C-alpha atoms as a PDB file:
ATOM      1  CA  MET A   1     -20.637 -55.347  58.085  1.00  0.00           C
ATOM      2  CA  ASN A   2     -20.954 -58.781  56.699  1.00  0.00           C
ATOM      3  CA  ALA A   3     -20.892 -61.756  59.075  1.00  0.00           C
ATOM      4  CA  ILE A   4     -18.599 -63.575  56.550  1.00  0.00           C
ATOM      5  CA  SER A   5     -16.135 -61.718  54.349  1.00  0.00           C
ATOM      6  CA  VAL A   6     -14.211 -63.059  51.388  1.00  0.00           C
ATOM      7  CA  ILE A   7     -10.917 -61.876  49.898  1.00  0.00           C
ATOM      8  CA  PHE A   8      -8.844 -63.441  47.079  1.00  0.00           C
ATOM      9  CA  PRO A   9      -5.130 -63.608  48.107  1.00  0.00           C
ATOM     10  CA  TYR A  10      -2.419 -64.389  45.571  1.00  0.00           C
ATOM     11  CA  ARG A  11       1.361 -64.283  45.325  1.00  0.00           C
ATOM     12  CA  TYR A  12       2.946 -61.069  44.010  1.00  0.00           C
ATOM     13  CA  GLN A  13       6.747 -60.823  43.844  1.00  0.00           C
ATOM     14  CA  GLY A  14       7.003 -63.775  46.294  1.00  0.00           C
ATOM     15  CA  GLN A  15       4.569 -62.301  48.902  1.00  0.00           C
ATOM     16  CA  TRP A  16       0.950 -63.151  49.715  1.00  0.00           C
ATOM     17  CA  VAL A  17      -1.205 -60.046  48.983  1.00  0.00           C
ATOM     18  CA  PHE A  18      -4.752 -59.235  48.230  1.00  0.00           C
ATOM     19  CA  ASP A  19      -6.791 -56.490  46.652  1.00  0.00           C
ATOM     20  CA  ASP A  20     -10.119 -55.104  47.794  1.00  0.00           C
ATOM     21  CA  LYS A  21     -10.911 -51.986  45.899  1.00  0.00           C
ATOM     22  CA  SER A  22     -14.185 -51.510  47.834  1.00  0.00           C
ATOM     23  CA  ARG A  23     -12.068 -51.011  51.003  1.00  0.00           C
ATOM     24  CA  GLY A  24      -9.238 -49.054  49.386  1.00  0.00           C
ATOM     25  CA  LEU A  25      -6.698 -51.900  49.458  1.00  0.00           C
ATOM     26  CA  ASP A  26      -4.321 -52.822  46.630  1.00  0.00           C
ATOM     27  CA  LYS A  27      -1.662 -55.498  46.997  1.00  0.00           C
ATOM     28  CA  GLU A  28      -2.051 -55.423  50.796  1.00  0.00           C
ATOM     29  CA  PRO A  29       0.588 -57.885  52.042  1.00  0.00           C
ATOM     30  CA  PHE A  30       0.292 -60.623  54.626  1.00  0.00           C
ATOM     31  CA  VAL A  31       3.489 -60.480  56.759  1.00  0.00           C
ATOM     32  CA  MET A  32       4.988 -61.455  60.145  1.00  0.00           C
ATOM     33  CA  GLY A  33       3.763 -65.089  60.312  1.00  0.00           C
ATOM     34  CA  ILE A  34       0.424 -64.754  58.585  1.00  0.00           C
ATOM     35  CA  ASP A  35       2.253 -65.460  55.327  1.00  0.00           C
ATOM     36  CA  LYS A  36       3.486 -68.810  56.782  1.00  0.00           C
ATOM     37  CA  ILE A  37      -0.030 -69.684  57.944  1.00  0.00           C
ATOM     38  CA  LEU A  38      -1.291 -69.103  54.423  1.00  0.00           C
ATOM     39  CA  ASP A  39       1.438 -71.272  53.010  1.00  0.00           C
ATOM     40  CA  LEU A  40       0.293 -74.130  55.265  1.00  0.00           C
ATOM     41  CA  ALA A  41      -3.440 -73.545  54.892  1.00  0.00           C
ATOM     42  CA  THR A  42      -3.231 -73.599  51.081  1.00  0.00           C
ATOM     43  CA  GLU A  43      -0.933 -76.672  50.634  1.00  0.00           C
ATOM     44  CA  SER A  44      -3.790 -78.734  49.216  1.00  0.00           C
ATOM     45  CA  ILE A  45      -5.165 -75.978  46.928  1.00  0.00           C
ATOM     46  CA  PRO A  46      -3.717 -76.365  43.392  1.00  0.00           C
ATOM     47  CA  ASN A  47      -2.122 -73.193  42.045  1.00  0.00           C
ATOM     48  CA  ALA A  48      -2.975 -71.202  45.168  1.00  0.00           C
ATOM     49  CA  GLN A  49      -0.198 -68.831  44.339  1.00  0.00           C
ATOM     50  CA  HIS A  50      -2.346 -67.630  41.396  1.00  0.00           C
ATOM     51  CA  GLY A  51      -5.251 -66.865  43.710  1.00  0.00           C
ATOM     52  CA  PHE A  52      -7.687 -68.566  46.055  1.00  0.00           C
ATOM     53  CA  LYS A  53     -10.818 -67.621  48.030  1.00  0.00           C
ATOM     54  CA  LEU A  54     -10.364 -66.922  51.734  1.00  0.00           C
ATOM     55  CA  PHE A  55     -13.599 -66.709  53.756  1.00  0.00           C
ATOM     56  CA  PHE A  56     -13.227 -65.272  57.286  1.00  0.00           C
ATOM     57  CA  SER A  57     -15.416 -64.213  60.125  1.00  0.00           C
ATOM     58  CA  ALA A  58     -15.293 -63.343  63.857  1.00  0.00           C
ATOM     59  CA  THR A  59     -17.979 -66.084  64.388  1.00  0.00           C
ATOM     60  CA  ALA A  60     -17.603 -69.744  63.601  1.00  0.00           C
ATOM     61  CA  PHE A  61     -19.132 -70.973  60.406  1.00  0.00           C
ATOM     62  CA  PRO A  62     -19.561 -74.476  58.871  1.00  0.00           C
ATOM     63  CA  GLY A  63     -16.346 -75.748  57.189  1.00  0.00           C
ATOM     64  CA  HIS A  64     -13.859 -73.258  58.673  1.00  0.00           C
ATOM     65  CA  LYS A  65     -10.386 -74.737  58.621  1.00  0.00           C
ATOM     66  CA  VAL A  66      -8.243 -72.137  60.423  1.00  0.00           C
ATOM     67  CA  LEU A  67      -8.634 -70.513  63.792  1.00  0.00           C
ATOM     68  CA  LEU A  68      -6.738 -67.420  64.930  1.00  0.00           C
ATOM     69  CA  GLU A  69      -6.786 -66.446  68.533  1.00  0.00           C
ATOM     70  CA  TRP A  70      -6.122 -62.826  69.557  1.00  0.00           C
ATOM     71  CA  LYS A  71      -3.068 -62.332  71.739  1.00  0.00           C
ATOM     72  CA  ARG A  72      -2.075 -58.650  71.831  1.00  0.00           C
ATOM     73  CA  GLU A  73      -2.006 -55.318  70.005  1.00  0.00           C
ATOM     74  CA  GLU A  74       1.254 -53.899  68.640  1.00  0.00           C
ATOM     75  CA  LEU A  75       1.850 -50.861  66.480  1.00  0.00           C
ATOM     76  CA  GLY A  76      -1.722 -50.519  65.375  1.00  0.00           C
ATOM     77  CA  GLY A  77      -1.958 -54.149  64.318  1.00  0.00           C
ATOM     78  CA  ASN A  78      -2.765 -57.286  66.247  1.00  0.00           C
ATOM     79  CA  TRP A  79      -0.967 -60.586  66.972  1.00  0.00           C
ATOM     80  CA  TYR A  80      -2.930 -63.846  66.629  1.00  0.00           C
ATOM     81  CA  TRP A  81      -2.032 -67.339  67.513  1.00  0.00           C
ATOM     82  CA  CYS A  82      -2.931 -70.210  65.143  1.00  0.00           C
ATOM     83  CA  PRO A  83      -3.149 -73.431  67.239  1.00  0.00           C
ATOM     84  CA  GLN A  84      -3.460 -75.738  64.073  1.00  0.00           C
ATOM     85  CA  TYR A  85       0.058 -74.720  62.887  1.00  0.00           C
ATOM     86  CA  GLY A  86       1.634 -73.461  66.088  1.00  0.00           C
ATOM     87  CA  ILE A  87       2.449 -70.111  64.538  1.00  0.00           C
ATOM     88  CA  GLU A  88       1.852 -66.574  65.683  1.00  0.00           C
ATOM     89  CA  GLY A  89       1.093 -63.964  63.068  1.00  0.00           C
ATOM     90  CA  TRP A  90       0.486 -60.171  62.918  1.00  0.00           C
ATOM     91  CA  LEU A  91      -2.466 -58.677  61.122  1.00  0.00           C
ATOM     92  CA  CYS A  92      -1.855 -55.051  60.180  1.00  0.00           C
ATOM     93  CA  PRO A  93      -4.408 -52.189  60.665  1.00  0.00           C
ATOM     94  CA  ALA A  94      -6.128 -53.224  57.408  1.00  0.00           C
ATOM     95  CA  LEU A  95      -7.960 -55.610  59.686  1.00  0.00           C
ATOM     96  CA  PHE A  96     -10.106 -52.663  60.767  1.00  0.00           C
ATOM     97  CA  ARG A  97     -11.475 -52.313  57.182  1.00  0.00           C
ATOM     98  CA  TYR A  98     -13.351 -55.543  58.006  1.00  0.00           C
ATOM     99  CA  PHE A  99     -13.890 -55.378  61.726  1.00  0.00           C
ATOM    100  CA  GLU A 100     -14.709 -52.419  64.020  1.00  0.00           C
ATOM    101  CA  GLN A 101     -12.320 -53.825  66.666  1.00  0.00           C
ATOM    102  CA  ALA A 102      -9.875 -56.693  66.670  1.00  0.00           C
ATOM    103  CA  PRO A 103     -11.918 -59.932  67.114  1.00  0.00           C
ATOM    104  CA  THR A 104     -10.959 -62.292  69.889  1.00  0.00           C
ATOM    105  CA  LEU A 105     -11.238 -65.109  67.323  1.00  0.00           C
ATOM    106  CA  ILE A 106     -11.082 -65.227  63.585  1.00  0.00           C
ATOM    107  CA  PHE A 107     -12.363 -68.238  61.753  1.00  0.00           C
ATOM    108  CA  ALA A 108     -11.120 -68.799  58.154  1.00  0.00           C
ATOM    109  CA  LYS A 109     -11.605 -71.177  55.255  1.00  0.00           C
ATOM    110  CA  PRO A 110      -9.350 -71.168  52.185  1.00  0.00           C
ATOM    111  CA  GLU A 111     -10.670 -72.842  49.049  1.00  0.00           C
ATOM    112  CA  PRO A 112      -9.964 -72.851  45.348  1.00  0.00           C
ATOM    113  CA  LYS A 113     -11.296 -70.084  43.115  1.00  0.00           C
END
């Protein structure tokens, strides 16, 4: 597995989603608070709703802007706390397409395409 992964979220029918054909994902939605975190994290990215790059890793990397701290497992997914925005969000089991187990920390960096 890569140390840093990248996906390209965009808005589809009012919801943040992403595609990753190499991992069998099509219009995979961000829900339960993660969507709100993406709203805040992309405020300074022009036209983010049309797509942006999202780098993420279980290890810190230069320039990361968002930190998610693991809190608990629920229904096959995992709840994370984002201290920057004071929001909790749930990542669905698609997380395991990128990580063998739920990371304790997830570091992320959104940037324009």
